[in-house]
């Protein structure tokens, strides 16, 4: 079944908090993400005519198989930052893949206005600059979404200490406690594939035959980490996996 791109005539913008769902049957997760992105662009174009309003558009895509809505247990996360001094970095982009017990996947992706200058070497590495992000939401405007999307799940990342530290710091700046159990795919990879010469994300996934697109961007790196994590969990016993989780007291 082909999904039609939302047209300008079908959009009726309203002011306030509005939540709605679009169900795409027999559609892949990737195609659903494409449709969601096109819808976002159409809505943003319509809302440009509304002045003196603070407008935030949030779109999430969830893949549900046979109607199963089993609670998710892992969120695979990657962030990009401005760079700078330790604990002074600000987030410019975040991507999260939520993996449920039955293998269903949900995605959250957002560009963020850091309200701080991005370091030149980071601009070159990621392609993100302050001009691109000046009209994007600041962290406080989407913090509830991130908190809700990751609640009750193990926080998984490649070099998890970095992503968790920076995200936790962003929450602390707005007076919110953020605490999750942690799992690092670097440490997990060292156990499952001890013969690897490098455990950097790019080299590791390349050696394992995992495709990585949009390198050094949150969505591309997070998706590659997701695919790496799925491969790793297929090659380790559940008990050993659980022992690698750093449990935090809520």
Protein backbone atom coordinates (compact mmCIF):
# COMPACT_ATOMS: atom_id res chain seq x y z
CA UNK A 1 0.00 0.00 0.00
CA UNK A 2 1.46 3.32 -1.02
CA UNK A 3 1.14 6.26 1.36
CA UNK A 4 0.10 9.56 -0.17
CA UNK A 5 2.06 12.66 0.73
CA UNK A 6 -0.10 15.02 2.81
CA UNK A 7 -1.23 17.97 0.67
CA UNK A 8 -1.52 21.59 1.62
CA UNK A 9 -5.30 21.44 1.46
CA UNK A 10 -5.49 18.74 4.14
CA UNK A 11 -3.70 20.72 6.86
CA UNK A 12 -5.78 22.74 9.29
CA UNK A 13 -3.32 24.35 11.73
CA UNK A 14 -4.60 25.13 15.21
CA UNK A 15 -3.09 26.86 18.21
CA UNK A 16 -2.66 24.89 21.43
CA UNK A 17 -1.63 21.38 22.34
CA UNK A 18 -2.92 18.93 19.74
CA UNK A 19 -2.14 15.22 19.44
CA UNK A 20 -3.22 12.99 16.58
CA UNK A 21 -2.25 9.69 15.00
CA UNK A 22 -1.95 8.57 11.39
CA UNK A 23 -2.05 4.82 10.79
CA UNK A 24 -0.20 3.56 7.71
CA UNK A 25 -1.01 -0.07 7.03
CA UNK A 26 1.49 -2.37 5.29
CA UNK A 27 4.13 0.36 5.38
CA UNK A 28 7.77 -0.05 6.40
CA UNK A 29 9.24 1.98 9.25
CA UNK A 30 11.52 3.86 6.84
CA UNK A 31 8.62 4.83 4.56
CA UNK A 32 6.60 5.96 7.58
CA UNK A 33 9.49 8.19 8.65
CA UNK A 34 9.56 9.73 5.15
CA UNK A 35 5.82 10.45 5.30
CA UNK A 36 6.16 11.95 8.80
CA UNK A 37 8.98 14.23 7.66
CA UNK A 38 6.96 15.43 4.65
CA UNK A 39 3.99 16.10 6.92
CA UNK A 40 6.19 18.09 9.30
CA UNK A 41 7.46 20.27 6.43
CA UNK A 42 3.93 20.94 5.19
CA UNK A 43 2.73 21.91 8.67
CA UNK A 44 5.76 24.12 9.27
CA UNK A 45 5.12 25.92 5.99
CA UNK A 46 1.50 26.58 6.98
CA UNK A 47 2.45 27.83 10.44
CA UNK A 48 4.96 30.35 9.09
CA UNK A 49 2.02 32.69 8.52
CA UNK A 50 1.19 32.75 12.25
CA UNK A 51 3.11 35.54 13.94
CA UNK A 52 4.08 36.10 17.57
CA UNK A 53 3.52 32.45 18.49
CA UNK A 54 5.88 29.85 19.92
CA UNK A 55 5.28 26.73 17.86
CA UNK A 56 6.86 23.32 18.39
CA UNK A 57 6.10 20.42 16.05
CA UNK A 58 6.87 16.93 17.33
CA UNK A 59 6.41 13.85 15.18
CA UNK A 60 7.16 10.32 16.28
CA UNK A 61 6.97 7.10 14.28
CA UNK A 62 6.13 3.77 15.88
CA UNK A 63 6.11 0.37 14.20
CA UNK A 64 3.53 -2.00 15.66
CA UNK A 65 3.44 -5.65 14.62
CA UNK A 66 0.14 -7.56 14.97
CA UNK A 67 -1.17 -4.88 17.31
CA UNK A 68 1.40 -5.70 20.00
CA UNK A 69 2.24 -2.81 22.32
CA UNK A 70 4.60 -4.62 24.70
CA UNK A 71 6.51 -2.26 27.00
CA UNK A 72 9.86 -1.20 25.60
CA UNK A 73 13.03 -2.12 27.45
CA UNK A 74 15.88 -0.35 25.61
CA UNK A 75 16.39 3.13 24.19
CA UNK A 76 19.39 3.43 21.87
CA UNK A 77 20.54 7.03 21.94
CA UNK A 78 23.00 9.28 20.15
CA UNK A 79 23.50 13.00 20.58
CA UNK A 80 25.52 15.70 18.85
CA UNK A 81 26.78 18.69 20.80
CA UNK A 82 28.33 22.13 20.40
CA UNK A 83 31.66 20.87 21.70
CA UNK A 84 33.53 22.94 24.26
CA UNK A 85 34.66 22.51 27.85
CA UNK A 86 33.66 19.49 29.92
CA UNK A 87 30.06 19.79 31.19
CA UNK A 88 29.56 23.00 29.21
CA UNK A 89 28.54 21.26 25.99
CA UNK A 90 24.98 21.82 24.76
CA UNK A 91 22.97 19.36 22.67
CA UNK A 92 22.33 20.24 19.01
CA UNK A 93 20.70 16.98 17.90
CA UNK A 94 19.28 13.88 19.54
CA UNK A 95 18.06 10.60 18.06
CA UNK A 96 16.48 7.77 20.04
CA UNK A 97 15.38 4.32 18.89
CA UNK A 98 13.12 2.53 21.38
CA UNK A 99 13.36 -1.25 21.18
CA UNK A 100 10.61 -3.33 22.77
CA UNK A 101 10.78 -6.87 24.08
CA UNK A 102 9.20 -8.22 20.90
CA UNK A 103 11.48 -6.27 18.55
CA UNK A 104 9.14 -3.39 17.71
CA UNK A 105 10.96 -0.10 17.11
CA UNK A 106 9.93 3.52 17.69
CA UNK A 107 12.02 6.53 16.67
CA UNK A 108 12.41 10.00 18.12
CA UNK A 109 14.62 12.57 16.39
CA UNK A 110 15.02 16.27 17.04
CA UNK A 111 17.29 19.17 16.11
CA UNK A 112 17.82 21.55 19.03
CA UNK A 113 18.81 25.19 19.31
CA UNK A 114 21.74 25.06 21.76
CA UNK A 115 21.70 28.82 22.41
CA UNK A 116 25.46 28.60 22.31
CA UNK A 117 28.10 28.83 19.58
CA UNK A 118 28.98 25.53 17.93
CA UNK A 119 32.72 24.91 17.79
CA UNK A 120 34.17 25.19 14.24
CA UNK A 121 35.57 21.65 14.22
CA UNK A 122 32.14 20.33 15.24
CA UNK A 123 30.47 22.27 12.41
CA UNK A 124 32.89 20.65 9.97
CA UNK A 125 32.33 17.18 11.45
CA UNK A 126 28.52 17.22 11.67
CA UNK A 127 27.49 19.84 9.12
CA UNK A 128 25.35 21.51 11.79
CA UNK A 129 25.70 25.24 12.42
CA UNK A 130 23.94 27.84 14.53
CA UNK A 131 22.10 29.34 11.54
CA UNK A 132 20.46 25.97 10.81
CA UNK A 133 19.32 25.62 14.41
CA UNK A 134 18.24 29.16 15.33
CA UNK A 135 14.53 28.40 14.75
CA UNK A 136 14.57 24.95 16.33
CA UNK A 137 13.19 24.32 19.84
CA UNK A 138 15.49 24.78 22.82
CA UNK A 139 16.05 21.82 25.12
CA UNK A 140 13.54 22.91 27.76
CA UNK A 141 10.76 22.84 25.15
CA UNK A 142 11.28 19.16 24.32
CA UNK A 143 12.62 17.86 27.64
CA UNK A 144 9.28 16.31 28.62
CA UNK A 145 9.17 14.40 25.33
CA UNK A 146 12.64 12.96 25.88
CA UNK A 147 11.92 12.14 29.51
CA UNK A 148 8.69 10.36 28.61
CA UNK A 149 10.14 8.52 25.60
CA UNK A 150 13.02 7.05 27.62
CA UNK A 151 11.21 6.42 30.91
CA UNK A 152 11.48 2.86 32.20
CA UNK A 153 14.05 1.85 29.57
CA UNK A 154 17.73 1.03 29.73
CA UNK A 155 19.77 3.89 28.25
CA UNK A 156 22.01 2.35 25.55
CA UNK A 157 24.72 4.23 23.66
CA UNK A 158 28.14 3.79 22.11
CA UNK A 159 30.34 5.30 24.83
CA UNK A 160 27.28 5.68 27.03
CA UNK A 161 29.05 7.74 29.69
CA UNK A 162 29.33 10.67 27.26
CA UNK A 163 25.75 10.72 25.96
CA UNK A 164 24.27 10.12 29.41
CA UNK A 165 26.44 12.77 31.08
CA UNK A 166 25.57 15.46 28.55
CA UNK A 167 21.85 14.65 28.54
CA UNK A 168 21.72 14.47 32.34
CA UNK A 169 23.44 17.87 32.50
CA UNK A 170 20.88 19.41 30.14
CA UNK A 171 18.09 18.21 32.43
CA UNK A 172 19.87 19.50 35.53
CA UNK A 173 20.07 22.99 33.98
CA UNK A 174 16.27 23.14 33.97
CA UNK A 175 15.94 21.63 37.43
CA UNK A 176 14.86 18.14 36.37
CA UNK A 177 16.36 14.91 37.70
CA UNK A 178 17.15 12.47 34.90
CA UNK A 179 18.30 8.98 35.87
CA UNK A 180 18.37 5.80 33.81
CA UNK A 181 20.04 2.40 33.91
CA UNK A 182 22.96 2.31 31.48
CA UNK A 183 24.42 -0.10 28.95
CA UNK A 184 27.44 0.63 26.74
CA UNK A 185 27.77 -1.01 23.32
CA UNK A 186 31.55 -0.53 23.43
CA UNK A 187 31.86 -2.71 26.53
CA UNK A 188 29.35 -5.18 25.13
CA UNK A 189 31.28 -5.36 21.83
CA UNK A 190 34.54 -6.09 23.64
CA UNK A 191 32.94 -9.20 25.17
CA UNK A 192 31.15 -10.47 22.08
CA UNK A 193 33.91 -9.58 19.57
CA UNK A 194 37.17 -9.49 21.60
CA UNK A 195 39.34 -9.80 18.49
CA UNK A 196 38.45 -6.37 17.08
CA UNK A 197 41.35 -3.91 16.73
CA UNK A 198 39.10 -0.86 17.09
CA UNK A 199 35.80 -0.30 18.86
CA UNK A 200 35.04 3.12 17.43
CA UNK A 201 31.52 3.08 16.00
CA UNK A 202 32.54 3.68 12.38
CA UNK A 203 35.26 1.03 12.24
CA UNK A 204 33.33 -1.49 14.32
CA UNK A 205 30.14 -1.49 12.26
CA UNK A 206 32.16 -1.48 9.03
CA UNK A 207 34.07 -4.59 10.13
CA UNK A 208 30.80 -6.27 11.10
CA UNK A 209 29.10 -5.44 7.80
CA UNK A 210 26.60 -3.02 9.32
CA UNK A 211 25.64 -0.11 7.08
CA UNK A 212 26.00 3.38 8.52
CA UNK A 213 24.48 6.40 6.80
CA UNK A 214 24.71 10.06 7.76
CA UNK A 215 27.84 9.50 9.87
CA UNK A 216 28.44 11.93 12.75
CA UNK A 217 24.77 12.87 12.81
CA UNK A 218 22.58 11.66 15.65
CA UNK A 219 20.04 9.79 13.52
CA UNK A 220 22.66 7.98 11.43
CA UNK A 221 24.86 7.03 14.37
CA UNK A 222 21.89 6.00 16.53
CA UNK A 223 20.52 3.73 13.81
CA UNK A 224 23.93 2.11 13.35
CA UNK A 225 24.18 1.64 17.12
CA UNK A 226 20.71 0.08 17.13
CA UNK A 227 21.71 -2.44 14.46
CA UNK A 228 24.96 -3.14 16.31
CA UNK A 229 23.07 -3.66 19.57
CA UNK A 230 20.63 -6.10 17.97
CA UNK A 231 23.56 -8.09 16.57
CA UNK A 232 25.34 -8.10 19.92
CA UNK A 233 22.29 -9.28 21.86
CA UNK A 234 21.95 -12.22 19.50
CA UNK A 235 25.45 -13.33 20.43
CA UNK A 236 25.40 -13.07 24.21
CA UNK A 237 23.46 -14.84 26.93
CA UNK A 238 20.78 -12.81 28.69
CA UNK A 239 22.42 -13.22 32.11
CA UNK A 240 25.75 -11.88 30.82
CA UNK A 241 23.97 -8.96 29.16
CA UNK A 242 22.17 -8.03 32.36
CA UNK A 243 25.44 -8.06 34.30
CA UNK A 244 26.74 -5.30 32.01
CA UNK A 245 23.87 -2.97 32.85
CA UNK A 246 24.81 -0.25 35.31
CA UNK A 247 21.69 -0.03 37.48
CA UNK A 248 20.84 3.38 38.92
CA UNK A 249 18.59 3.88 41.91
CA UNK A 250 15.59 5.97 40.91
